[in-house]
């Protein structure tokens, strides 16, 4: 229900806090470690994050254009590596974790 990577990552870490569930994502898609330092700026940026790659400007005609250099081949390689890492994580760590019988204490 959201494209806010910070919130999605925090929810994932809440559900899977153990180190064995960690993964390394491409730096361009990294979650900000200083999200709380500038909450107004971050909130403003993340509120339009899903629109930045679909529309040239926001509703007030403010441009989304940035000086970001986008190399589709590099990004594809990064996403393929992330996809591979997440599949290993899912099949080797998360699925067996979910299928375990609950421990009775």
N, C-alpha and C. Protein backbone atom coordinates (compact mmCIF):
# COMPACT_ATOMS: atom_id res chain seq x y z
N UNK A 1 0.82 -1.20 0.00
CA UNK A 1 0.00 0.00 0.00
C UNK A 1 0.86 1.26 0.00
N UNK A 2 2.18 1.11 -0.14
CA UNK A 2 3.05 2.27 -0.12
C UNK A 2 4.29 2.01 -0.97
N UNK A 3 4.90 3.08 -1.42
CA UNK A 3 6.17 2.99 -2.13
C UNK A 3 7.30 3.56 -1.28
N UNK A 4 7.02 3.85 -0.03
CA UNK A 4 8.01 4.42 0.86
C UNK A 4 8.97 3.31 1.30
N UNK A 5 10.16 3.27 0.69
CA UNK A 5 11.12 2.21 0.97
C UNK A 5 11.57 2.21 2.43
N UNK A 6 11.63 3.38 3.05
CA UNK A 6 12.01 3.45 4.46
C UNK A 6 11.03 2.67 5.31
N UNK A 7 9.75 2.93 5.13
CA UNK A 7 8.73 2.23 5.93
C UNK A 7 8.68 0.75 5.61
N UNK A 8 8.80 0.39 4.33
CA UNK A 8 8.79 -1.02 3.95
C UNK A 8 9.97 -1.76 4.57
N UNK A 9 11.15 -1.14 4.51
CA UNK A 9 12.33 -1.77 5.08
C UNK A 9 12.20 -1.91 6.59
N UNK A 10 11.70 -0.88 7.26
CA UNK A 10 11.52 -0.95 8.71
C UNK A 10 10.53 -2.05 9.09
N UNK A 11 9.49 -2.21 8.32
CA UNK A 11 8.52 -3.26 8.58
C UNK A 11 9.15 -4.64 8.37
N UNK A 12 9.94 -4.78 7.32
CA UNK A 12 10.65 -6.04 7.07
C UNK A 12 11.57 -6.35 8.24
N UNK A 13 12.35 -5.37 8.70
CA UNK A 13 13.27 -5.59 9.82
C UNK A 13 12.51 -5.91 11.10
N UNK A 14 11.32 -5.36 11.28
CA UNK A 14 10.52 -5.67 12.46
C UNK A 14 10.07 -7.13 12.42
N UNK A 15 9.66 -7.59 11.24
CA UNK A 15 9.17 -8.96 11.09
C UNK A 15 10.31 -9.98 11.08
N UNK A 16 11.47 -9.60 10.55
CA UNK A 16 12.62 -10.50 10.43
C UNK A 16 13.87 -9.83 11.00
N UNK A 17 13.96 -9.70 12.32
CA UNK A 17 15.06 -8.94 12.91
C UNK A 17 16.41 -9.67 12.94
N UNK A 18 16.40 -10.98 12.78
CA UNK A 18 17.65 -11.73 12.89
C UNK A 18 18.61 -11.41 11.74
N UNK A 19 19.90 -11.49 12.04
CA UNK A 19 20.93 -11.17 11.06
C UNK A 19 20.83 -12.04 9.81
N UNK A 20 20.41 -13.28 9.95
CA UNK A 20 20.32 -14.18 8.79
C UNK A 20 19.29 -13.74 7.77
N UNK A 21 18.42 -12.81 8.12
CA UNK A 21 17.42 -12.28 7.19
C UNK A 21 17.85 -10.96 6.55
N UNK A 22 19.07 -10.53 6.80
CA UNK A 22 19.57 -9.28 6.23
C UNK A 22 19.94 -9.47 4.77
N UNK A 23 19.90 -8.40 4.02
CA UNK A 23 20.33 -8.42 2.63
C UNK A 23 20.90 -7.06 2.26
N UNK A 24 21.71 -7.05 1.23
CA UNK A 24 22.35 -5.83 0.76
C UNK A 24 21.69 -5.41 -0.55
N UNK A 25 21.12 -4.25 -0.58
CA UNK A 25 20.48 -3.75 -1.79
C UNK A 25 21.40 -2.79 -2.52
N UNK A 26 21.12 -2.52 -3.79
CA UNK A 26 21.92 -1.53 -4.53
C UNK A 26 21.89 -0.18 -3.81
N UNK A 27 23.02 0.49 -3.78
CA UNK A 27 23.11 1.74 -3.02
C UNK A 27 22.12 2.80 -3.51
N UNK A 28 21.81 2.80 -4.79
CA UNK A 28 20.87 3.80 -5.31
C UNK A 28 19.46 3.62 -4.73
N UNK A 29 19.15 2.42 -4.25
CA UNK A 29 17.84 2.14 -3.67
C UNK A 29 17.91 2.03 -2.16
N UNK A 30 19.04 2.45 -1.60
CA UNK A 30 19.26 2.30 -0.17
C UNK A 30 18.28 3.10 0.67
N UNK A 31 18.05 2.58 1.84
CA UNK A 31 17.18 3.26 2.79
C UNK A 31 18.02 4.28 3.55
N UNK A 32 17.50 5.46 3.69
CA UNK A 32 18.23 6.53 4.36
C UNK A 32 18.45 6.18 5.83
N UNK A 33 19.70 6.27 6.26
CA UNK A 33 19.99 6.03 7.68
C UNK A 33 19.78 7.29 8.50
N UNK A 34 19.58 8.43 7.84
CA UNK A 34 19.34 9.69 8.56
C UNK A 34 17.95 10.23 8.28
N UNK A 35 16.99 9.33 8.12
CA UNK A 35 15.62 9.71 7.79
C UNK A 35 15.04 10.71 8.79
N UNK A 36 15.39 10.56 10.07
CA UNK A 36 14.83 11.41 11.11
C UNK A 36 15.50 12.79 11.21
N UNK A 37 16.60 13.00 10.50
CA UNK A 37 17.30 14.28 10.62
C UNK A 37 16.54 15.43 9.96
N UNK A 38 15.92 15.14 8.81
CA UNK A 38 15.19 16.17 8.07
C UNK A 38 13.81 15.62 7.69
N UNK A 39 12.94 15.39 8.66
CA UNK A 39 11.66 14.71 8.37
C UNK A 39 10.78 15.45 7.36
N UNK A 40 10.77 16.77 7.38
CA UNK A 40 9.92 17.51 6.43
C UNK A 40 10.38 17.30 5.00
N UNK A 41 11.70 17.40 4.78
CA UNK A 41 12.24 17.19 3.44
C UNK A 41 12.03 15.76 2.98
N UNK A 42 12.29 14.81 3.87
CA UNK A 42 12.13 13.40 3.52
C UNK A 42 10.67 13.08 3.21
N UNK A 43 9.77 13.58 4.01
CA UNK A 43 8.34 13.32 3.79
C UNK A 43 7.90 13.90 2.46
N UNK A 44 8.34 15.11 2.17
CA UNK A 44 8.00 15.75 0.90
C UNK A 44 8.53 14.94 -0.28
N UNK A 45 9.77 14.48 -0.18
CA UNK A 45 10.38 13.70 -1.26
C UNK A 45 9.65 12.36 -1.43
N UNK A 46 9.42 11.65 -0.34
CA UNK A 46 8.80 10.33 -0.42
C UNK A 46 7.32 10.39 -0.80
N UNK A 47 6.68 11.50 -0.56
CA UNK A 47 5.26 11.61 -0.93
C UNK A 47 5.06 11.60 -2.43
N UNK A 48 6.10 11.93 -3.19
CA UNK A 48 6.00 11.93 -4.66
C UNK A 48 6.93 10.90 -5.31
N UNK A 49 7.54 10.04 -4.52
CA UNK A 49 8.55 9.12 -5.05
C UNK A 49 8.00 8.24 -6.16
N UNK A 50 6.81 7.70 -6.00
CA UNK A 50 6.25 6.81 -7.02
C UNK A 50 5.84 7.58 -8.28
N UNK A 51 5.73 8.89 -8.20
CA UNK A 51 5.32 9.68 -9.36
C UNK A 51 6.51 10.21 -10.16
N UNK A 52 7.67 10.28 -9.54
CA UNK A 52 8.84 10.89 -10.16
C UNK A 52 9.28 10.22 -11.44
N UNK A 53 8.99 8.93 -11.59
CA UNK A 53 9.42 8.21 -12.79
C UNK A 53 8.29 8.04 -13.80
N UNK A 54 7.13 8.60 -13.48
CA UNK A 54 5.99 8.48 -14.39
C UNK A 54 5.54 9.82 -14.97
N UNK A 55 5.81 10.90 -14.25
CA UNK A 55 5.31 12.20 -14.68
C UNK A 55 6.46 13.22 -14.73
N UNK A 56 6.39 14.21 -15.62
CA UNK A 56 7.46 15.21 -15.68
C UNK A 56 7.39 16.24 -14.55
N UNK A 57 6.19 16.44 -13.97
CA UNK A 57 6.06 17.45 -12.92
C UNK A 57 4.93 17.05 -11.96
N UNK A 58 4.90 17.76 -10.83
CA UNK A 58 3.82 17.50 -9.88
C UNK A 58 2.58 18.31 -10.27
N UNK A 59 1.56 18.28 -9.44
CA UNK A 59 0.29 18.96 -9.76
C UNK A 59 0.43 20.48 -9.84
N UNK A 60 1.45 21.01 -9.17
CA UNK A 60 1.68 22.46 -9.20
C UNK A 60 2.65 22.84 -10.31
N UNK A 61 2.97 21.88 -11.18
CA UNK A 61 3.87 22.06 -12.32
C UNK A 61 5.33 22.24 -11.92
N UNK A 62 5.68 21.80 -10.70
CA UNK A 62 7.09 21.78 -10.29
C UNK A 62 7.73 20.55 -10.93
N UNK A 63 8.84 20.75 -11.60
CA UNK A 63 9.47 19.66 -12.33
C UNK A 63 10.09 18.62 -11.39
N UNK A 64 10.08 17.37 -11.83
CA UNK A 64 10.75 16.29 -11.12
C UNK A 64 12.15 16.08 -11.69
N UNK A 65 12.52 16.83 -12.70
CA UNK A 65 13.82 16.65 -13.35
C UNK A 65 14.95 16.90 -12.37
N UNK A 66 15.92 16.01 -12.41
CA UNK A 66 17.11 16.14 -11.57
C UNK A 66 18.34 15.89 -12.43
N UNK A 67 19.50 16.08 -11.85
CA UNK A 67 20.74 15.85 -12.57
C UNK A 67 21.18 14.39 -12.46
N UNK A 68 20.31 13.55 -11.97
CA UNK A 68 20.66 12.13 -11.81
C UNK A 68 21.00 11.51 -13.16
N UNK A 69 22.08 10.75 -13.17
CA UNK A 69 22.47 10.02 -14.37
C UNK A 69 21.92 8.61 -14.23
N UNK A 70 21.21 8.19 -15.23
CA UNK A 70 20.57 6.87 -15.18
C UNK A 70 21.12 6.02 -16.31
N UNK A 71 21.82 4.95 -15.95
CA UNK A 71 22.33 4.01 -16.93
C UNK A 71 21.49 2.74 -16.81
N UNK A 72 20.61 2.49 -17.78
CA UNK A 72 19.69 1.35 -17.66
C UNK A 72 20.40 0.01 -17.54
N UNK A 73 21.55 -0.16 -18.18
CA UNK A 73 22.25 -1.45 -18.10
C UNK A 73 22.84 -1.68 -16.71
N UNK A 74 23.38 -0.65 -16.11
CA UNK A 74 23.92 -0.76 -14.75
C UNK A 74 22.79 -1.03 -13.77
N UNK A 75 21.70 -0.30 -13.92
CA UNK A 75 20.56 -0.49 -13.03
C UNK A 75 19.96 -1.88 -13.19
N UNK A 76 19.86 -2.37 -14.41
CA UNK A 76 19.35 -3.73 -14.64
C UNK A 76 20.25 -4.76 -13.96
N UNK A 77 21.55 -4.58 -14.07
CA UNK A 77 22.49 -5.50 -13.42
C UNK A 77 22.30 -5.47 -11.90
N UNK A 78 22.17 -4.27 -11.34
CA UNK A 78 21.97 -4.14 -9.89
C UNK A 78 20.67 -4.80 -9.46
N UNK A 79 19.61 -4.59 -10.23
CA UNK A 79 18.32 -5.19 -9.88
C UNK A 79 18.34 -6.70 -10.04
N UNK A 80 19.04 -7.21 -11.04
CA UNK A 80 19.18 -8.66 -11.20
C UNK A 80 19.91 -9.27 -10.00
N UNK A 81 20.97 -8.60 -9.55
CA UNK A 81 21.72 -9.08 -8.38
C UNK A 81 20.84 -9.05 -7.13
N UNK A 82 20.08 -7.98 -6.96
CA UNK A 82 19.18 -7.89 -5.81
C UNK A 82 18.11 -8.97 -5.89
N UNK A 83 17.55 -9.19 -7.07
CA UNK A 83 16.54 -10.23 -7.26
C UNK A 83 17.10 -11.60 -6.88
N UNK A 84 18.31 -11.90 -7.34
CA UNK A 84 18.94 -13.18 -7.02
C UNK A 84 19.14 -13.31 -5.51
N UNK A 85 19.65 -12.26 -4.86
CA UNK A 85 19.89 -12.29 -3.43
C UNK A 85 18.59 -12.47 -2.65
N UNK A 86 17.53 -11.79 -3.07
CA UNK A 86 16.25 -11.90 -2.37
C UNK A 86 15.62 -13.28 -2.56
N UNK A 87 15.82 -13.89 -3.73
CA UNK A 87 15.29 -15.24 -3.95
C UNK A 87 16.00 -16.25 -3.06
N UNK A 88 17.31 -16.13 -2.93
CA UNK A 88 18.05 -17.01 -2.02
C UNK A 88 17.55 -16.80 -0.60
N UNK A 89 17.40 -15.55 -0.19
CA UNK A 89 16.91 -15.23 1.15
C UNK A 89 15.53 -15.83 1.37
N UNK A 90 14.65 -15.66 0.40
CA UNK A 90 13.29 -16.18 0.55
C UNK A 90 13.28 -17.70 0.66
N UNK A 91 13.92 -18.39 -0.29
CA UNK A 91 13.83 -19.85 -0.36
C UNK A 91 14.70 -20.55 0.69
N UNK A 92 15.83 -19.97 1.06
CA UNK A 92 16.73 -20.64 2.00
C UNK A 92 16.48 -20.25 3.46
N UNK A 93 15.91 -19.06 3.68
CA UNK A 93 15.78 -18.60 5.06
C UNK A 93 14.34 -18.30 5.47
N UNK A 94 13.59 -17.58 4.65
CA UNK A 94 12.25 -17.15 5.08
C UNK A 94 11.24 -18.27 4.99
N UNK A 95 11.16 -18.97 3.84
CA UNK A 95 10.16 -20.05 3.71
C UNK A 95 10.34 -21.15 4.75
N UNK A 96 11.57 -21.65 4.99
CA UNK A 96 11.71 -22.65 6.05
C UNK A 96 11.32 -22.10 7.43
N UNK A 97 11.62 -20.83 7.66
CA UNK A 97 11.27 -20.17 8.92
C UNK A 97 9.75 -20.15 9.12
N UNK A 98 9.01 -19.89 8.05
CA UNK A 98 7.56 -19.81 8.14
C UNK A 98 6.90 -21.18 8.28
N UNK A 99 7.55 -22.23 7.78
CA UNK A 99 6.93 -23.55 7.81
C UNK A 99 7.24 -24.33 9.07
N UNK A 100 8.06 -23.79 9.96
CA UNK A 100 8.40 -24.46 11.21
C UNK A 100 7.18 -24.58 12.12
N UNK A 101 7.17 -25.66 12.86
CA UNK A 101 6.14 -25.81 13.88
C UNK A 101 6.46 -24.84 15.03
N UNK A 102 5.45 -24.22 15.59
CA UNK A 102 5.71 -23.30 16.71
C UNK A 102 6.29 -24.07 17.90
N UNK A 103 7.29 -23.49 18.54
CA UNK A 103 7.90 -24.12 19.70
C UNK A 103 7.02 -23.92 20.92
N UNK A 104 6.80 -24.99 21.66
CA UNK A 104 5.99 -24.92 22.87
C UNK A 104 6.94 -24.73 24.04
N UNK A 105 6.68 -23.70 24.80
CA UNK A 105 7.56 -23.40 25.95
C UNK A 105 6.96 -23.90 27.23
